[in-house]
Amino acid sequence: MESGALIAIIVISIIVIVLVILLVMWLIAKSKGKIEIVLDNYNYSPGDTISGKINLTIKKPVQSKGLSIRLIGERIQTNRVNIGNQKSSTNSQMVFDFKQPVEGAKEYQPGPVVSYDFKIKIPNDVITKLDGVLGAVVKTAQFLSGTNTSVKWYLLSDLDIPGIDISKKIRINIA
């Protein structure tokens, strides 16, 4: 057997193993319950308050350290390496992370959906802090060099339990 074929078999085997592990983790999380984040609006501005509900469904009793909601900003930077071949690389960096407890540590029991209200105030200066004073100059230089940078915003609700947490992440817009 050629070494190239052997390497291909090893790479495919590793990919299959990783996919099976991810599938098992997903099934374990789903067997414990699920979280749904419900919002009236998905578009916000700095200074706005995000109001919503976390709908929690538990399928079997779980001891938890608590239920939380997080507002996360993730900067995504895409660099065009070679314009002729359209190759690019992407990097991400968490630039904002605010965690707010919704419910404390307790044992959550199976049953009907339980709803928890939450409110998170978006800081007035959240966009200007991320761009900085030279934001427009930096953005122009990035555009000319083939670099594209954006910040994606998410809400993440998490029930912190031993093993695999029950969580839900949704995308929102802040501009």
N, C-alpha and C. Protein backbone atom coordinates (compact mmCIF):
# COMPACT_ATOMS: atom_id res chain seq x y z
N MET A 1 0.85 -1.19 0.00
CA MET A 1 0.00 0.00 0.00
C MET A 1 0.89 1.24 0.00
N GLU A 2 0.56 2.21 -0.83
CA GLU A 2 1.34 3.44 -0.91
C GLU A 2 1.16 4.27 0.36
N SER A 3 2.17 5.06 0.66
CA SER A 3 2.09 5.90 1.87
C SER A 3 1.01 6.96 1.74
N GLY A 4 0.77 7.47 0.51
CA GLY A 4 -0.29 8.46 0.29
C GLY A 4 -1.66 7.89 0.59
N ALA A 5 -1.90 6.64 0.17
CA ALA A 5 -3.18 5.99 0.43
C ALA A 5 -3.36 5.73 1.92
N LEU A 6 -2.27 5.34 2.58
CA LEU A 6 -2.32 5.08 4.02
C LEU A 6 -2.65 6.37 4.79
N ILE A 7 -2.03 7.46 4.39
CA ILE A 7 -2.30 8.74 5.04
C ILE A 7 -3.76 9.14 4.83
N ALA A 8 -4.28 8.94 3.61
CA ALA A 8 -5.68 9.27 3.33
C ALA A 8 -6.62 8.44 4.19
N ILE A 9 -6.34 7.17 4.37
CA ILE A 9 -7.17 6.30 5.22
C ILE A 9 -7.13 6.77 6.67
N ILE A 10 -5.95 7.15 7.14
CA ILE A 10 -5.81 7.62 8.53
C ILE A 10 -6.60 8.92 8.72
N VAL A 11 -6.48 9.86 7.78
CA VAL A 11 -7.19 11.14 7.89
C VAL A 11 -8.70 10.91 7.88
N ILE A 12 -9.18 10.07 6.97
CA ILE A 12 -10.62 9.78 6.90
C ILE A 12 -11.09 9.11 8.19
N SER A 13 -10.29 8.21 8.73
CA SER A 13 -10.64 7.53 9.99
C SER A 13 -10.75 8.53 11.13
N ILE A 14 -9.83 9.47 11.20
CA ILE A 14 -9.86 10.47 12.26
C ILE A 14 -11.10 11.35 12.12
N ILE A 15 -11.42 11.75 10.90
CA ILE A 15 -12.61 12.58 10.67
C ILE A 15 -13.86 11.83 11.09
N VAL A 16 -13.97 10.56 10.75
CA VAL A 16 -15.14 9.76 11.13
C VAL A 16 -15.24 9.64 12.65
N ILE A 17 -14.12 9.41 13.32
CA ILE A 17 -14.13 9.29 14.78
C ILE A 17 -14.59 10.60 15.42
N VAL A 18 -14.08 11.73 14.94
CA VAL A 18 -14.48 13.04 15.49
C VAL A 18 -15.98 13.27 15.27
N LEU A 19 -16.48 12.93 14.08
CA LEU A 19 -17.91 13.10 13.81
C LEU A 19 -18.76 12.21 14.71
N VAL A 20 -18.34 11.01 14.96
CA VAL A 20 -19.08 10.10 15.85
C VAL A 20 -19.08 10.66 17.27
N ILE A 21 -17.95 11.17 17.73
CA ILE A 21 -17.87 11.75 19.08
C ILE A 21 -18.81 12.94 19.19
N LEU A 22 -18.80 13.82 18.18
CA LEU A 22 -19.70 14.98 18.20
C LEU A 22 -21.17 14.56 18.20
N LEU A 23 -21.51 13.54 17.43
CA LEU A 23 -22.87 13.04 17.39
C LEU A 23 -23.29 12.48 18.76
N VAL A 24 -22.41 11.73 19.40
CA VAL A 24 -22.71 11.17 20.73
C VAL A 24 -22.90 12.30 21.74
N MET A 25 -22.04 13.33 21.70
CA MET A 25 -22.18 14.46 22.63
C MET A 25 -23.51 15.17 22.40
N TRP A 26 -23.89 15.37 21.15
CA TRP A 26 -25.15 16.03 20.83
C TRP A 26 -26.33 15.21 21.34
N LEU A 27 -26.28 13.88 21.16
CA LEU A 27 -27.36 13.01 21.63
C LEU A 27 -27.46 13.03 23.15
N ILE A 28 -26.32 13.05 23.84
CA ILE A 28 -26.34 13.10 25.31
C ILE A 28 -26.98 14.41 25.77
N ALA A 29 -26.58 15.54 25.15
CA ALA A 29 -27.16 16.83 25.54
C ALA A 29 -28.66 16.84 25.28
N LYS A 30 -29.10 16.32 24.13
CA LYS A 30 -30.53 16.31 23.80
C LYS A 30 -31.32 15.39 24.73
N SER A 31 -30.68 14.36 25.26
CA SER A 31 -31.39 13.44 26.15
C SER A 31 -31.67 14.09 27.51
N LYS A 32 -30.94 15.14 27.86
CA LYS A 32 -31.14 15.82 29.14
C LYS A 32 -32.23 16.89 29.06
N GLY A 33 -32.35 17.51 27.89
CA GLY A 33 -33.34 18.57 27.74
C GLY A 33 -32.95 19.53 26.65
N LYS A 34 -33.64 20.67 26.61
CA LYS A 34 -33.31 21.67 25.60
C LYS A 34 -33.64 23.07 26.09
N ILE A 35 -32.98 24.04 25.46
CA ILE A 35 -33.19 25.46 25.75
C ILE A 35 -33.62 26.14 24.46
N GLU A 36 -34.57 27.06 24.60
CA GLU A 36 -34.99 27.90 23.49
C GLU A 36 -34.91 29.35 23.97
N ILE A 37 -34.32 30.23 23.15
CA ILE A 37 -34.27 31.66 23.46
C ILE A 37 -35.30 32.35 22.57
N VAL A 38 -36.23 33.07 23.19
CA VAL A 38 -37.31 33.74 22.46
C VAL A 38 -37.16 35.25 22.63
N LEU A 39 -37.07 35.95 21.49
CA LEU A 39 -36.95 37.41 21.49
C LEU A 39 -38.07 38.01 20.65
N ASP A 40 -38.46 39.24 20.99
CA ASP A 40 -39.42 39.97 20.17
C ASP A 40 -38.71 40.64 18.99
N ASN A 41 -37.41 40.87 19.14
CA ASN A 41 -36.63 41.62 18.17
C ASN A 41 -35.24 41.01 18.06
N TYR A 42 -34.64 41.08 16.89
CA TYR A 42 -33.28 40.56 16.71
C TYR A 42 -32.32 41.66 16.28
N ASN A 43 -32.80 42.89 16.15
CA ASN A 43 -31.98 44.03 15.74
C ASN A 43 -31.95 45.07 16.85
N TYR A 44 -30.73 45.45 17.27
CA TYR A 44 -30.57 46.35 18.40
C TYR A 44 -29.52 47.41 18.09
N SER A 45 -29.52 48.44 18.91
CA SER A 45 -28.53 49.50 18.85
C SER A 45 -27.85 49.60 20.21
N PRO A 46 -26.65 50.17 20.26
CA PRO A 46 -26.02 50.40 21.57
C PRO A 46 -26.95 51.19 22.47
N GLY A 47 -27.03 50.80 23.73
CA GLY A 47 -27.91 51.45 24.70
C GLY A 47 -29.27 50.77 24.83
N ASP A 48 -29.65 49.95 23.85
CA ASP A 48 -30.92 49.22 23.93
C ASP A 48 -30.86 48.14 25.00
N THR A 49 -32.04 47.69 25.41
CA THR A 49 -32.15 46.57 26.33
C THR A 49 -32.73 45.38 25.58
N ILE A 50 -32.03 44.27 25.65
CA ILE A 50 -32.52 43.03 25.04
C ILE A 50 -33.41 42.36 26.07
N SER A 51 -34.67 42.15 25.71
CA SER A 51 -35.62 41.46 26.59
C SER A 51 -36.05 40.18 25.92
N GLY A 52 -36.17 39.14 26.70
CA GLY A 52 -36.61 37.89 26.13
C GLY A 52 -36.92 36.85 27.18
N LYS A 53 -37.14 35.65 26.69
CA LYS A 53 -37.44 34.51 27.56
C LYS A 53 -36.52 33.35 27.21
N ILE A 54 -36.16 32.61 28.23
CA ILE A 54 -35.47 31.34 28.05
C ILE A 54 -36.48 30.27 28.40
N ASN A 55 -36.81 29.43 27.44
CA ASN A 55 -37.71 28.30 27.67
C ASN A 55 -36.86 27.06 27.89
N LEU A 56 -36.99 26.49 29.07
CA LEU A 56 -36.19 25.33 29.45
C LEU A 56 -37.07 24.10 29.58
N THR A 57 -36.68 23.05 28.86
CA THR A 57 -37.37 21.77 28.95
C THR A 57 -36.37 20.75 29.48
N ILE A 58 -36.71 20.10 30.59
CA ILE A 58 -35.84 19.08 31.19
C ILE A 58 -36.49 17.72 31.00
N LYS A 59 -35.70 16.74 30.52
CA LYS A 59 -36.23 15.40 30.27
C LYS A 59 -35.96 14.43 31.40
N LYS A 60 -34.92 14.69 32.19
CA LYS A 60 -34.64 13.87 33.38
C LYS A 60 -33.99 14.76 34.42
N PRO A 61 -34.10 14.42 35.70
CA PRO A 61 -33.57 15.28 36.75
C PRO A 61 -32.08 15.55 36.55
N VAL A 62 -31.68 16.83 36.69
CA VAL A 62 -30.27 17.19 36.58
C VAL A 62 -29.91 18.19 37.67
N GLN A 63 -28.77 17.99 38.28
CA GLN A 63 -28.24 18.93 39.26
C GLN A 63 -27.44 19.97 38.48
N SER A 64 -27.72 21.24 38.70
CA SER A 64 -27.09 22.29 37.92
C SER A 64 -26.44 23.34 38.81
N LYS A 65 -25.38 23.95 38.28
CA LYS A 65 -24.75 25.07 38.96
C LYS A 65 -25.49 26.36 38.65
N GLY A 66 -26.41 26.32 37.68
CA GLY A 66 -27.21 27.50 37.38
C GLY A 66 -27.49 27.68 35.90
N LEU A 67 -28.47 28.54 35.63
CA LEU A 67 -28.87 28.90 34.28
C LEU A 67 -28.41 30.33 34.04
N SER A 68 -27.80 30.58 32.87
CA SER A 68 -27.30 31.93 32.57
C SER A 68 -27.60 32.31 31.13
N ILE A 69 -27.47 33.61 30.87
CA ILE A 69 -27.57 34.15 29.51
C ILE A 69 -26.34 35.03 29.31
N ARG A 70 -25.76 34.93 28.12
CA ARG A 70 -24.56 35.71 27.81
C ARG A 70 -24.77 36.49 26.52
N LEU A 71 -24.23 37.70 26.48
CA LEU A 71 -24.14 38.50 25.27
C LEU A 71 -22.68 38.43 24.83
N ILE A 72 -22.46 37.92 23.61
CA ILE A 72 -21.12 37.67 23.11
C ILE A 72 -20.91 38.42 21.80
N GLY A 73 -19.77 39.10 21.70
CA GLY A 73 -19.33 39.72 20.46
C GLY A 73 -18.10 38.99 19.96
N GLU A 74 -18.15 38.54 18.71
CA GLU A 74 -17.02 37.79 18.14
C GLU A 74 -16.54 38.50 16.87
N ARG A 75 -15.29 38.93 16.89
CA ARG A 75 -14.71 39.59 15.72
C ARG A 75 -14.23 38.52 14.74
N ILE A 76 -14.73 38.60 13.51
CA ILE A 76 -14.35 37.68 12.44
C ILE A 76 -13.50 38.46 11.45
N GLN A 77 -12.29 37.97 11.19
CA GLN A 77 -11.40 38.62 10.24
C GLN A 77 -11.08 37.65 9.12
N THR A 78 -11.39 38.06 7.88
CA THR A 78 -11.10 37.24 6.71
C THR A 78 -10.04 37.94 5.88
N ASN A 79 -8.95 37.22 5.60
CA ASN A 79 -7.85 37.74 4.81
C ASN A 79 -7.82 37.04 3.46
N ARG A 80 -7.81 37.82 2.39
CA ARG A 80 -7.63 37.24 1.06
C ARG A 80 -6.15 37.05 0.84
N VAL A 81 -5.75 35.80 0.65
CA VAL A 81 -4.34 35.47 0.50
C VAL A 81 -3.90 35.67 -0.94
N ASN A 82 -4.68 35.17 -1.89
CA ASN A 82 -4.31 35.22 -3.29
C ASN A 82 -5.57 35.54 -4.09
N ILE A 83 -5.64 36.73 -4.65
CA ILE A 83 -6.84 37.16 -5.35
C ILE A 83 -7.13 36.29 -6.57
N GLY A 84 -6.09 35.85 -7.28
CA GLY A 84 -6.29 35.03 -8.48
C GLY A 84 -6.96 33.71 -8.18
N ASN A 85 -6.60 33.06 -7.11
CA ASN A 85 -7.17 31.75 -6.75
C ASN A 85 -8.30 31.86 -5.73
N GLN A 86 -8.61 33.07 -5.28
CA GLN A 86 -9.67 33.32 -4.31
C GLN A 86 -9.46 32.55 -3.00
N LYS A 87 -8.22 32.41 -2.57
CA LYS A 87 -7.93 31.75 -1.30
C LYS A 87 -8.08 32.76 -0.17
N SER A 88 -8.56 32.32 0.96
CA SER A 88 -8.70 33.21 2.10
C SER A 88 -8.53 32.42 3.39
N SER A 89 -8.24 33.15 4.46
CA SER A 89 -8.17 32.55 5.79
C SER A 89 -9.06 33.36 6.72
N THR A 90 -9.62 32.69 7.71
CA THR A 90 -10.53 33.35 8.64
C THR A 90 -10.06 33.12 10.07
N ASN A 91 -10.06 34.19 10.86
CA ASN A 91 -9.72 34.12 12.27
C ASN A 91 -10.87 34.72 13.07
N SER A 92 -11.10 34.21 14.27
CA SER A 92 -12.13 34.79 15.12
C SER A 92 -11.55 35.05 16.51
N GLN A 93 -12.08 36.09 17.15
CA GLN A 93 -11.63 36.47 18.48
C GLN A 93 -12.83 37.01 19.26
N MET A 94 -13.02 36.53 20.48
CA MET A 94 -14.10 37.04 21.32
C MET A 94 -13.68 38.42 21.84
N VAL A 95 -14.50 39.43 21.55
CA VAL A 95 -14.17 40.80 21.94
C VAL A 95 -15.12 41.36 22.99
N PHE A 96 -16.23 40.66 23.24
CA PHE A 96 -17.18 41.09 24.26
C PHE A 96 -17.85 39.86 24.82
N ASP A 97 -17.93 39.76 26.15
CA ASP A 97 -18.59 38.62 26.78
C ASP A 97 -19.16 39.07 28.12
N PHE A 98 -20.47 39.19 28.16
CA PHE A 98 -21.16 39.57 29.40
C PHE A 98 -22.07 38.42 29.80
N LYS A 99 -21.86 37.89 31.00
CA LYS A 99 -22.65 36.76 31.49
C LYS A 99 -23.54 37.23 32.63
N GLN A 100 -24.83 36.87 32.54
CA GLN A 100 -25.80 37.26 33.56
C GLN A 100 -26.49 36.00 34.08
N PRO A 101 -26.42 35.77 35.40
CA PRO A 101 -27.15 34.62 35.95
C PRO A 101 -28.66 34.84 35.84
N VAL A 102 -29.38 33.76 35.56
CA VAL A 102 -30.84 33.82 35.46
C VAL A 102 -31.47 33.04 36.62
N GLU A 103 -30.88 31.91 36.96
CA GLU A 103 -31.37 31.05 38.04
C GLU A 103 -30.15 30.40 38.70
N GLY A 104 -30.20 30.25 40.01
CA GLY A 104 -29.07 29.70 40.75
C GLY A 104 -28.97 28.19 40.71
N ALA A 105 -28.02 27.68 41.48
CA ALA A 105 -27.78 26.24 41.55
C ALA A 105 -28.98 25.54 42.19
N LYS A 106 -29.40 24.45 41.56
CA LYS A 106 -30.51 23.65 42.10
C LYS A 106 -30.65 22.39 41.25
N GLU A 107 -31.54 21.51 41.68
CA GLU A 107 -31.86 20.34 40.87
C GLU A 107 -33.09 20.68 40.02
N TYR A 108 -32.92 20.57 38.71
CA TYR A 108 -34.00 20.84 37.78
C TYR A 108 -34.74 19.53 37.50
N GLN A 109 -36.06 19.59 37.59
CA GLN A 109 -36.89 18.40 37.45
C GLN A 109 -37.54 18.34 36.07
N PRO A 110 -37.78 17.12 35.58
CA PRO A 110 -38.48 17.01 34.29
C PRO A 110 -39.92 17.49 34.42
N GLY A 111 -40.44 17.93 33.31
CA GLY A 111 -41.81 18.41 33.31
C GLY A 111 -42.05 19.32 32.13
N PRO A 112 -43.10 20.12 32.24
CA PRO A 112 -43.42 21.02 31.13
C PRO A 112 -42.37 22.13 31.01
N VAL A 113 -42.44 22.87 29.93
CA VAL A 113 -41.51 23.97 29.68
C VAL A 113 -41.62 25.01 30.79
N VAL A 114 -40.47 25.45 31.30
CA VAL A 114 -40.42 26.52 32.30
C VAL A 114 -39.77 27.72 31.64
N SER A 115 -40.41 28.89 31.74
CA SER A 115 -39.90 30.10 31.11
C SER A 115 -39.26 31.02 32.13
N TYR A 116 -38.13 31.61 31.75
CA TYR A 116 -37.40 32.56 32.59
C TYR A 116 -37.24 33.85 31.78
N ASP A 117 -37.69 34.98 32.34
CA ASP A 117 -37.51 36.27 31.68
C ASP A 117 -36.09 36.77 31.94
N PHE A 118 -35.56 37.49 30.97
CA PHE A 118 -34.25 38.12 31.15
C PHE A 118 -34.22 39.46 30.44
N LYS A 119 -33.31 40.33 30.92
CA LYS A 119 -33.04 41.62 30.28
C LYS A 119 -31.53 41.85 30.35
N ILE A 120 -30.96 42.27 29.22
CA ILE A 120 -29.55 42.64 29.17
C ILE A 120 -29.45 44.00 28.50
N LYS A 121 -28.83 44.95 29.19
CA LYS A 121 -28.62 46.28 28.60
C LYS A 121 -27.32 46.26 27.81
N ILE A 122 -27.41 46.68 26.56
CA ILE A 122 -26.23 46.79 25.71
C ILE A 122 -25.53 48.10 26.07
N PRO A 123 -24.24 48.05 26.40
CA PRO A 123 -23.54 49.30 26.74
C PRO A 123 -23.63 50.33 25.60
N ASN A 124 -23.75 51.61 25.97
CA ASN A 124 -23.84 52.68 24.98
C ASN A 124 -22.61 52.75 24.08
N ASP A 125 -21.45 52.40 24.63
CA ASP A 125 -20.20 52.56 23.88
C ASP A 125 -19.65 51.24 23.33
N VAL A 126 -20.49 50.23 23.22
CA VAL A 126 -20.00 48.90 22.83
C VAL A 126 -19.38 48.90 21.43
N ILE A 127 -19.93 49.65 20.51
CA ILE A 127 -19.39 49.69 19.14
C ILE A 127 -18.13 50.55 19.09
N THR A 128 -18.16 51.72 19.73
CA THR A 128 -16.99 52.60 19.67
C THR A 128 -15.80 52.01 20.40
N LYS A 129 -16.03 51.25 21.46
CA LYS A 129 -14.92 50.59 22.16
C LYS A 129 -14.25 49.56 21.25
N LEU A 130 -15.06 48.85 20.46
CA LEU A 130 -14.50 47.82 19.58
C LEU A 130 -13.76 48.43 18.40
N ASP A 131 -14.25 49.56 17.87
CA ASP A 131 -13.61 50.19 16.71
C ASP A 131 -12.40 51.02 17.11
N GLY A 132 -12.46 51.63 18.28
CA GLY A 132 -11.36 52.48 18.70
C GLY A 132 -11.39 53.82 18.00
N VAL A 133 -10.45 54.68 18.34
CA VAL A 133 -10.39 56.03 17.80
C VAL A 133 -10.05 56.01 16.31
N LEU A 134 -9.17 55.12 15.90
CA LEU A 134 -8.73 55.07 14.52
C LEU A 134 -9.52 54.07 13.68
N GLY A 135 -10.73 53.76 14.12
CA GLY A 135 -11.54 52.73 13.45
C GLY A 135 -11.71 52.93 11.97
N ALA A 136 -12.05 54.14 11.52
CA ALA A 136 -12.28 54.39 10.09
C ALA A 136 -10.99 54.22 9.30
N VAL A 137 -9.87 54.70 9.84
CA VAL A 137 -8.58 54.57 9.15
C VAL A 137 -8.19 53.09 9.03
N VAL A 138 -8.35 52.35 10.12
CA VAL A 138 -8.02 50.92 10.11
C VAL A 138 -8.91 50.17 9.12
N LYS A 139 -10.21 50.47 9.10
CA LYS A 139 -11.12 49.79 8.17
C LYS A 139 -10.75 50.07 6.71
N THR A 140 -10.34 51.30 6.42
CA THR A 140 -9.94 51.64 5.05
C THR A 140 -8.68 50.86 4.67
N ALA A 141 -7.71 50.80 5.56
CA ALA A 141 -6.47 50.06 5.29
C ALA A 141 -6.77 48.57 5.12
N GLN A 142 -7.67 48.03 5.93
CA GLN A 142 -8.02 46.62 5.81
C GLN A 142 -8.69 46.34 4.47
N PHE A 143 -9.58 47.23 4.05
CA PHE A 143 -10.26 47.06 2.77
C PHE A 143 -9.26 47.04 1.63
N LEU A 144 -8.31 47.98 1.64
CA LEU A 144 -7.32 48.06 0.58
C LEU A 144 -6.39 46.85 0.57
N SER A 145 -6.15 46.24 1.73
CA SER A 145 -5.26 45.08 1.80
C SER A 145 -5.98 43.75 1.59
N GLY A 146 -7.30 43.79 1.38
CA GLY A 146 -8.04 42.55 1.16
C GLY A 146 -8.50 41.89 2.44
N THR A 147 -8.51 42.63 3.53
CA THR A 147 -8.94 42.09 4.81
C THR A 147 -10.34 42.60 5.12
N ASN A 148 -11.22 41.71 5.55
CA ASN A 148 -12.57 42.09 5.92
C ASN A 148 -12.78 41.71 7.39
N THR A 149 -13.20 42.69 8.20
CA THR A 149 -13.42 42.44 9.62
C THR A 149 -14.85 42.83 9.98
N SER A 150 -15.52 41.97 10.72
CA SER A 150 -16.86 42.26 11.21
C SER A 150 -17.02 41.67 12.61
N VAL A 151 -17.99 42.19 13.33
CA VAL A 151 -18.30 41.65 14.66
C VAL A 151 -19.68 41.02 14.58
N LYS A 152 -19.76 39.76 14.95
CA LYS A 152 -21.03 39.04 15.00
C LYS A 152 -21.43 38.95 16.47
N TRP A 153 -22.73 39.15 16.72
CA TRP A 153 -23.26 39.18 18.08
C TRP A 153 -24.16 37.98 18.31
N TYR A 154 -24.07 37.41 19.52
CA TYR A 154 -24.84 36.22 19.87
C TYR A 154 -25.40 36.35 21.28
N LEU A 155 -26.51 35.67 21.51
CA LEU A 155 -26.97 35.38 22.87
C LEU A 155 -26.77 33.89 23.08
N LEU A 156 -26.22 33.53 24.22
CA LEU A 156 -25.97 32.13 24.55
C LEU A 156 -26.56 31.86 25.92
N SER A 157 -27.50 30.92 25.97
CA SER A 157 -28.06 30.50 27.26
C SER A 157 -27.50 29.12 27.57
N ASP A 158 -27.16 28.92 28.84
CA ASP A 158 -26.46 27.70 29.23
C ASP A 158 -26.95 27.22 30.59
N LEU A 159 -27.34 25.94 30.66
CA LEU A 159 -27.62 25.29 31.93
C LEU A 159 -26.38 24.49 32.29
N ASP A 160 -25.64 24.95 33.28
CA ASP A 160 -24.35 24.37 33.66
C ASP A 160 -24.56 23.11 34.48
N ILE A 161 -24.38 21.95 33.84
CA ILE A 161 -24.57 20.66 34.50
C ILE A 161 -23.34 19.79 34.30
N PRO A 162 -23.13 18.81 35.17
CA PRO A 162 -21.98 17.92 35.00
C PRO A 162 -22.05 17.20 33.65
N GLY A 163 -20.89 17.04 33.04
CA GLY A 163 -20.85 16.40 31.73
C GLY A 163 -21.07 17.43 30.65
N ILE A 164 -22.07 17.24 29.84
CA ILE A 164 -22.34 18.12 28.71
C ILE A 164 -23.50 19.05 29.06
N ASP A 165 -23.24 20.37 29.00
CA ASP A 165 -24.26 21.37 29.32
C ASP A 165 -25.38 21.35 28.29
N ILE A 166 -26.54 21.85 28.71
CA ILE A 166 -27.63 22.12 27.77
C ILE A 166 -27.49 23.60 27.42
N SER A 167 -27.39 23.91 26.12
CA SER A 167 -27.19 25.30 25.74
C SER A 167 -27.86 25.61 24.40
N LYS A 168 -28.03 26.90 24.16
CA LYS A 168 -28.59 27.37 22.90
C LYS A 168 -27.94 28.71 22.58
N LYS A 169 -27.53 28.88 21.33
CA LYS A 169 -26.88 30.10 20.87
C LYS A 169 -27.64 30.64 19.68
N ILE A 170 -28.01 31.94 19.72
CA ILE A 170 -28.70 32.55 18.60
C ILE A 170 -27.97 33.82 18.20
N ARG A 171 -28.09 34.19 16.96
CA ARG A 171 -27.44 35.37 16.42
C ARG A 171 -28.39 36.56 16.50
N ILE A 172 -27.84 37.72 16.90
CA ILE A 172 -28.58 38.97 16.90
C ILE A 172 -27.73 40.02 16.18
N ASN A 173 -28.33 41.17 15.89
CA ASN A 173 -27.60 42.25 15.22
C ASN A 173 -27.53 43.45 16.16
N ILE A 174 -26.34 44.01 16.29
CA ILE A 174 -26.14 45.26 17.02
C ILE A 174 -25.40 46.20 16.07
N ALA A 175 -26.03 47.32 15.75
CA ALA A 175 -25.40 48.28 14.83
C ALA A 175 -25.69 49.70 15.27
